[in-house]
Amino acid sequence: MPSSKYDKSTKELFKEFVDSFDPPPEKGFPELSERKSLDQGGHFTRQEILSWFQEHYPKLKRGTVNAHLIVMSTNAPSRIHHNLRPNGADDLLFQNDGSKFRLYVKETDPRPIYKPDIEQEAADDVENGEDTESHEFAYENDLKNFLANNLHVIRSSLSVYQDGDITGIEFPVGNRRIDILAMEDDSDFVVIELKVSKGYDRALGQLLRYMGWIEQNLAEPGQKVKGMIVARNISEDLRIATSRVSDVELFEYVLSISLNKIEK
């Protein structure tokens, strides 16, 4: 029995796209007639790659393709939240802006971003006294990482979304990112928005935009998309705003510490 074309990983399909990106104009890319080829420094757009996948691999979700664009772009900071292969096999693209990409050029482009790079930059900022914003950023990261590893503190039925090497931590939705994309009972999507201090009513609009994106680009027909806002304090305005939205829940987190005496 012949194998399915979907047996290839999404990363392998990206390389297939790159290999076939310079088609003649009659194959659906008339704008390429006046554009440099990829090996000459040419670029392709997000919409072009989405269209290519829709034509050749229509079962692959747009959200999966968008997430892999982040993973395989060497200068995308949020790639650190996904499983990167240490041998450089994922270092395929360079993101010119939110919608244009080109091939990564090892000899001339900046070194690819990996998680240790981000952590070292934060440590250097603190050491140099540049900690006005870094403490708040680190705190938000800590909250995000804690919840991602302990979603059971909200409900035991929750788990972080996973699609191959793509995780739901800072899941890309267009040019924005969901803090945590989770699954409930391996069935429904749950979009979790984190606020390290107080959650105001404007957070609801942001959350609903993310939920709509997941519903249109990732969810199957009939699959539910729910939302959660987690904050240190929930404002009264946010309580009122969400009172008419049945599929959005609010949570306040509480930090605590305990000490154990060490006997000498």
Protein backbone atom coordinates (compact mmCIF):
# COMPACT_ATOMS: atom_id res chain seq x y z
CA MET A 1 0.00 0.00 0.00
CA PRO A 2 1.52 3.38 -0.98
CA SER A 3 2.27 5.73 1.90
CA SER A 4 0.22 8.89 2.36
CA LYS A 5 1.76 12.21 1.38
CA TYR A 6 0.88 13.36 4.89
CA ASP A 7 3.39 10.90 6.35
CA LYS A 8 6.04 13.61 6.00
CA SER A 9 6.56 15.99 8.91
CA THR A 10 5.51 19.63 8.49
CA LYS A 11 9.18 20.62 8.64
CA GLU A 12 9.90 18.32 5.70
CA LEU A 13 7.00 19.87 3.81
CA PHE A 14 8.47 23.34 4.39
CA LYS A 15 11.68 22.24 2.70
CA GLU A 16 9.60 20.83 -0.14
CA PHE A 17 7.92 24.23 -0.49
CA VAL A 18 11.27 26.03 -0.59
CA ASP A 19 12.57 23.60 -3.23
CA SER A 20 9.54 24.27 -5.44
CA PHE A 21 9.10 27.98 -4.78
CA ASP A 22 10.53 29.31 -8.06
CA PRO A 23 7.82 28.06 -10.46
CA PRO A 24 7.15 29.73 -13.81
CA PRO A 25 4.40 32.42 -13.71
CA GLU A 26 1.79 30.16 -15.31
CA LYS A 27 1.81 27.93 -12.22
CA GLY A 28 0.12 30.49 -10.05
CA PHE A 29 2.79 32.96 -9.01
CA PRO A 30 2.84 35.63 -11.75
CA GLU A 31 4.52 38.12 -9.43
CA LEU A 32 7.67 35.97 -9.40
CA SER A 33 8.55 36.97 -12.96
CA GLU A 34 10.04 40.23 -11.65
CA ARG A 35 11.39 38.89 -8.37
CA LYS A 36 14.78 37.50 -7.41
CA SER A 37 14.97 33.75 -6.91
CA LEU A 38 15.48 32.51 -3.34
CA ASP A 39 19.16 31.77 -3.89
CA GLN A 40 19.58 35.37 -5.06
CA GLY A 41 18.08 36.78 -1.86
CA GLY A 42 14.44 36.76 -2.93
CA HIS A 43 11.60 36.36 -0.45
CA PHE A 44 8.16 34.82 -0.19
CA THR A 45 5.12 36.01 1.75
CA ARG A 46 3.12 34.29 4.47
CA GLN A 47 0.09 34.21 2.17
CA GLU A 48 2.07 32.51 -0.61
CA ILE A 49 3.12 29.67 1.64
CA LEU A 50 -0.39 29.31 3.10
CA SER A 51 -1.77 29.13 -0.44
CA TRP A 52 0.83 26.53 -1.41
CA PHE A 53 -0.04 24.31 1.54
CA GLN A 54 -3.76 24.75 0.86
CA GLU A 55 -3.22 23.55 -2.71
CA HIS A 56 -0.85 20.66 -2.02
CA TYR A 57 -1.70 19.62 1.56
CA PRO A 58 -5.22 20.91 2.27
CA LYS A 59 -5.64 18.78 5.40
CA LEU A 60 -2.86 20.67 7.16
CA LYS A 61 -4.26 23.40 9.39
CA ARG A 62 -3.33 27.05 8.80
CA GLY A 63 -2.42 27.35 12.46
CA THR A 64 0.10 24.50 12.12
CA VAL A 65 1.71 26.16 9.10
CA ASN A 66 1.89 29.54 10.87
CA ALA A 67 3.44 27.94 13.95
CA HIS A 68 6.13 26.25 11.86
CA LEU A 69 6.95 29.56 10.22
CA ILE A 70 7.94 30.76 13.69
CA VAL A 71 9.88 27.60 14.57
CA MET A 72 11.91 27.66 11.36
CA SER A 73 12.62 31.42 11.35
CA THR A 74 16.01 31.87 12.96
CA ASN A 75 15.27 35.41 14.21
CA ALA A 76 11.81 34.77 15.70
CA PRO A 77 12.14 35.16 19.52
CA SER A 78 9.12 32.97 20.32
CA ARG A 79 10.69 29.95 18.56
CA ILE A 80 12.36 29.17 21.89
CA HIS A 81 9.06 27.86 23.23
CA HIS A 82 9.02 25.01 20.73
CA ASN A 83 11.19 21.92 20.42
CA LEU A 84 14.20 22.99 18.35
CA ARG A 85 16.70 20.46 17.08
CA PRO A 86 20.19 21.39 18.32
CA ASN A 87 21.88 20.43 15.05
CA GLY A 88 20.47 23.46 13.20
CA ALA A 89 18.03 21.39 11.16
CA ASP A 90 15.25 23.89 11.96
CA ASP A 91 17.26 26.94 10.88
CA LEU A 92 15.67 27.35 7.46
CA LEU A 93 14.18 30.85 7.23
CA PHE A 94 14.79 34.48 8.12
CA GLN A 95 11.79 36.70 8.85
CA ASN A 96 12.04 40.09 7.13
CA ASP A 97 8.85 41.31 8.84
CA GLY A 98 5.54 39.87 9.95
CA SER A 99 4.56 38.74 6.45
CA LYS A 100 7.77 38.24 4.43
CA PHE A 101 10.40 35.50 4.72
CA ARG A 102 13.57 34.44 2.93
CA LEU A 103 16.15 31.70 3.26
CA TYR A 104 18.47 31.88 6.27
CA VAL A 105 22.06 32.61 5.23
CA LYS A 106 24.43 31.21 7.84
CA GLU A 107 27.44 33.19 6.67
CA THR A 108 25.86 36.65 6.89
CA ASP A 109 22.70 36.51 9.05
CA PRO A 110 22.72 36.89 12.85
CA ARG A 111 23.17 33.71 14.86
CA PRO A 112 19.88 31.77 15.22
CA ILE A 113 17.94 32.41 18.43
CA TYR A 114 17.89 29.57 20.92
CA LYS A 115 16.63 29.52 24.48
CA PRO A 116 20.03 29.98 26.20
CA ASP A 117 20.55 33.20 24.18
CA ILE A 118 17.36 34.74 25.57
CA GLU A 119 18.15 33.68 29.13
CA GLN A 120 21.69 35.08 28.92
CA GLU A 121 20.43 38.42 27.59
CA ALA A 122 18.05 38.73 30.55
CA ALA A 123 20.83 37.83 32.98
CA ASP A 124 23.17 40.39 31.41
CA ASP A 125 20.50 43.11 31.71
CA VAL A 126 20.11 42.46 35.44
CA GLU A 127 23.88 42.34 35.99
CA ASN A 128 24.29 45.65 34.19
CA GLY A 129 21.55 47.29 36.22
CA GLU A 130 19.10 47.39 33.31
CA ASP A 131 16.34 45.73 35.29
CA THR A 132 13.52 48.28 35.12
CA GLU A 133 11.45 46.03 32.86
CA SER A 134 13.33 42.72 32.97
CA HIS A 135 12.01 41.79 36.41
CA GLU A 136 8.42 42.16 35.22
CA PHE A 137 9.17 40.20 32.03
CA ALA A 138 10.87 37.42 33.96
CA TYR A 139 7.94 37.30 36.35
CA GLU A 140 5.46 36.93 33.50
CA ASN A 141 7.63 34.21 32.01
CA ASP A 142 7.72 32.41 35.35
CA LEU A 143 3.94 32.57 35.63
CA LYS A 144 3.53 31.28 32.08
CA ASN A 145 6.00 28.45 32.55
CA PHE A 146 4.51 27.45 35.89
CA LEU A 147 0.98 27.25 34.53
CA ALA A 148 2.11 25.46 31.36
CA ASN A 149 3.64 22.75 33.56
CA ASN A 150 0.85 22.75 36.14
CA LEU A 151 -2.44 23.31 34.32
CA HIS A 152 -4.01 20.89 36.78
CA VAL A 153 -4.11 23.75 39.32
CA ILE A 154 -6.87 25.18 37.13
CA ARG A 155 -8.50 21.87 36.15
CA SER A 156 -7.18 18.33 35.82
CA SER A 157 -8.80 18.06 32.38
CA LEU A 158 -6.46 20.68 30.85
CA SER A 159 -3.26 19.98 28.91
CA VAL A 160 -0.99 22.15 26.77
CA TYR A 161 -1.79 21.91 23.04
CA GLN A 162 0.75 19.81 21.15
CA ASP A 163 1.10 19.21 17.41
CA GLY A 164 4.33 17.37 16.66
CA ASP A 165 7.12 19.73 17.69
CA ILE A 166 4.70 22.66 18.07
CA THR A 167 3.48 23.49 21.56
CA GLY A 168 0.76 25.81 22.78
CA ILE A 169 3.17 28.06 24.72
CA GLU A 170 3.19 31.48 23.02
CA PHE A 171 1.24 29.98 20.14
CA PRO A 172 1.37 32.30 17.10
CA VAL A 173 -1.88 33.78 15.80
CA GLY A 174 -0.98 36.04 12.90
CA ASN A 175 1.46 38.64 14.23
CA ARG A 176 0.43 38.05 17.85
CA ARG A 177 0.85 35.21 20.34
CA ILE A 178 -1.44 33.36 22.70
CA ASP A 179 0.17 32.96 26.13
CA ILE A 180 -1.01 29.36 26.48
CA LEU A 181 -3.16 27.35 24.09
CA ALA A 182 -4.56 24.32 25.90
CA MET A 183 -6.91 21.42 25.29
CA GLU A 184 -9.76 20.36 27.55
CA ASP A 185 -10.26 16.57 27.72
CA ASP A 186 -8.25 16.35 24.46
CA SER A 187 -11.32 17.75 22.73
CA ASP A 188 -11.96 21.50 23.10
CA PHE A 189 -9.47 24.34 22.66
CA VAL A 190 -8.86 26.67 25.60
CA VAL A 191 -7.15 30.02 25.03
CA ILE A 192 -5.46 31.25 28.23
CA GLU A 193 -4.48 34.91 28.54
CA LEU A 194 -2.19 35.90 31.43
CA LYS A 195 -1.98 39.28 33.17
CA VAL A 196 0.75 39.55 35.78
CA SER A 197 -1.02 42.33 37.69
CA LYS A 198 -4.61 43.48 37.22
CA GLY A 199 -6.92 42.20 34.50
CA TYR A 200 -8.98 44.98 32.90
CA ASP A 201 -11.95 44.74 30.55
CA ARG A 202 -9.78 45.34 27.45
CA ALA A 203 -8.27 41.89 28.05
CA LEU A 204 -11.62 40.40 26.99
CA GLY A 205 -11.41 41.88 23.49
CA GLN A 206 -7.88 40.53 23.12
CA LEU A 207 -8.98 37.08 24.29
CA LEU A 208 -12.02 36.98 22.00
CA ARG A 209 -9.82 37.90 19.01
CA TYR A 210 -7.53 34.95 19.77
CA MET A 211 -10.49 32.62 20.27
CA GLY A 212 -11.93 33.68 16.91
CA TRP A 213 -8.61 33.04 15.19
CA ILE A 214 -8.36 29.53 16.64
CA GLU A 215 -11.96 28.83 15.66
CA GLN A 216 -11.34 29.91 12.06
CA ASN A 217 -7.85 28.47 11.54
CA LEU A 218 -7.33 25.48 13.83
CA ALA A 219 -10.58 24.08 15.21
CA GLU A 220 -12.56 21.40 13.41
CA PRO A 221 -16.25 22.08 12.66
CA GLY A 222 -18.20 21.71 15.87
CA GLN A 223 -15.08 21.83 18.07
CA LYS A 224 -15.50 24.30 20.92
CA VAL A 225 -13.09 27.14 21.68
CA LYS A 226 -13.14 28.44 25.25
CA GLY A 227 -11.22 31.20 26.98
CA MET A 228 -9.64 31.96 30.34
CA ILE A 229 -8.09 35.11 31.80
CA VAL A 230 -5.67 34.60 34.68
CA ALA A 231 -4.56 37.70 36.62
CA ARG A 232 -3.31 38.73 40.05
CA ASN A 233 -6.48 40.81 40.42
CA ILE A 234 -9.62 40.85 38.27
CA SER A 235 -11.13 44.32 37.90
CA GLU A 236 -14.85 44.91 38.39
CA ASP A 237 -15.06 46.14 34.78
CA LEU A 238 -13.71 42.79 33.55
CA ARG A 239 -16.17 40.90 35.75
CA ILE A 240 -19.05 42.87 34.26
CA ALA A 241 -17.77 42.52 30.69
CA THR A 242 -17.46 38.73 30.93
CA SER A 243 -20.79 38.24 32.68
CA ARG A 244 -22.46 38.01 29.25
CA VAL A 245 -19.84 35.68 27.75
CA SER A 246 -20.52 32.12 28.87
CA ASP A 247 -17.41 30.48 27.42
CA VAL A 248 -14.88 32.75 29.16
CA GLU A 249 -13.72 32.11 32.73
CA LEU A 250 -11.80 34.35 35.13
CA PHE A 251 -9.14 33.28 37.62
CA GLU A 252 -7.08 35.15 40.21
CA TYR A 253 -3.76 33.58 41.20
CA VAL A 254 -2.27 33.76 44.70
CA LEU A 255 1.43 33.34 45.44
CA SER A 256 2.53 31.78 48.70
CA ILE A 257 5.77 30.67 50.31
CA SER A 258 6.53 28.38 53.22
CA LEU A 259 9.75 27.90 55.21
CA ASN A 260 11.17 24.73 56.70
CA LYS A 261 13.59 25.11 59.58
CA ILE A 262 16.87 23.26 59.05
CA GLU A 263 18.20 21.66 62.19
CA LYS A 264 21.94 22.23 62.75
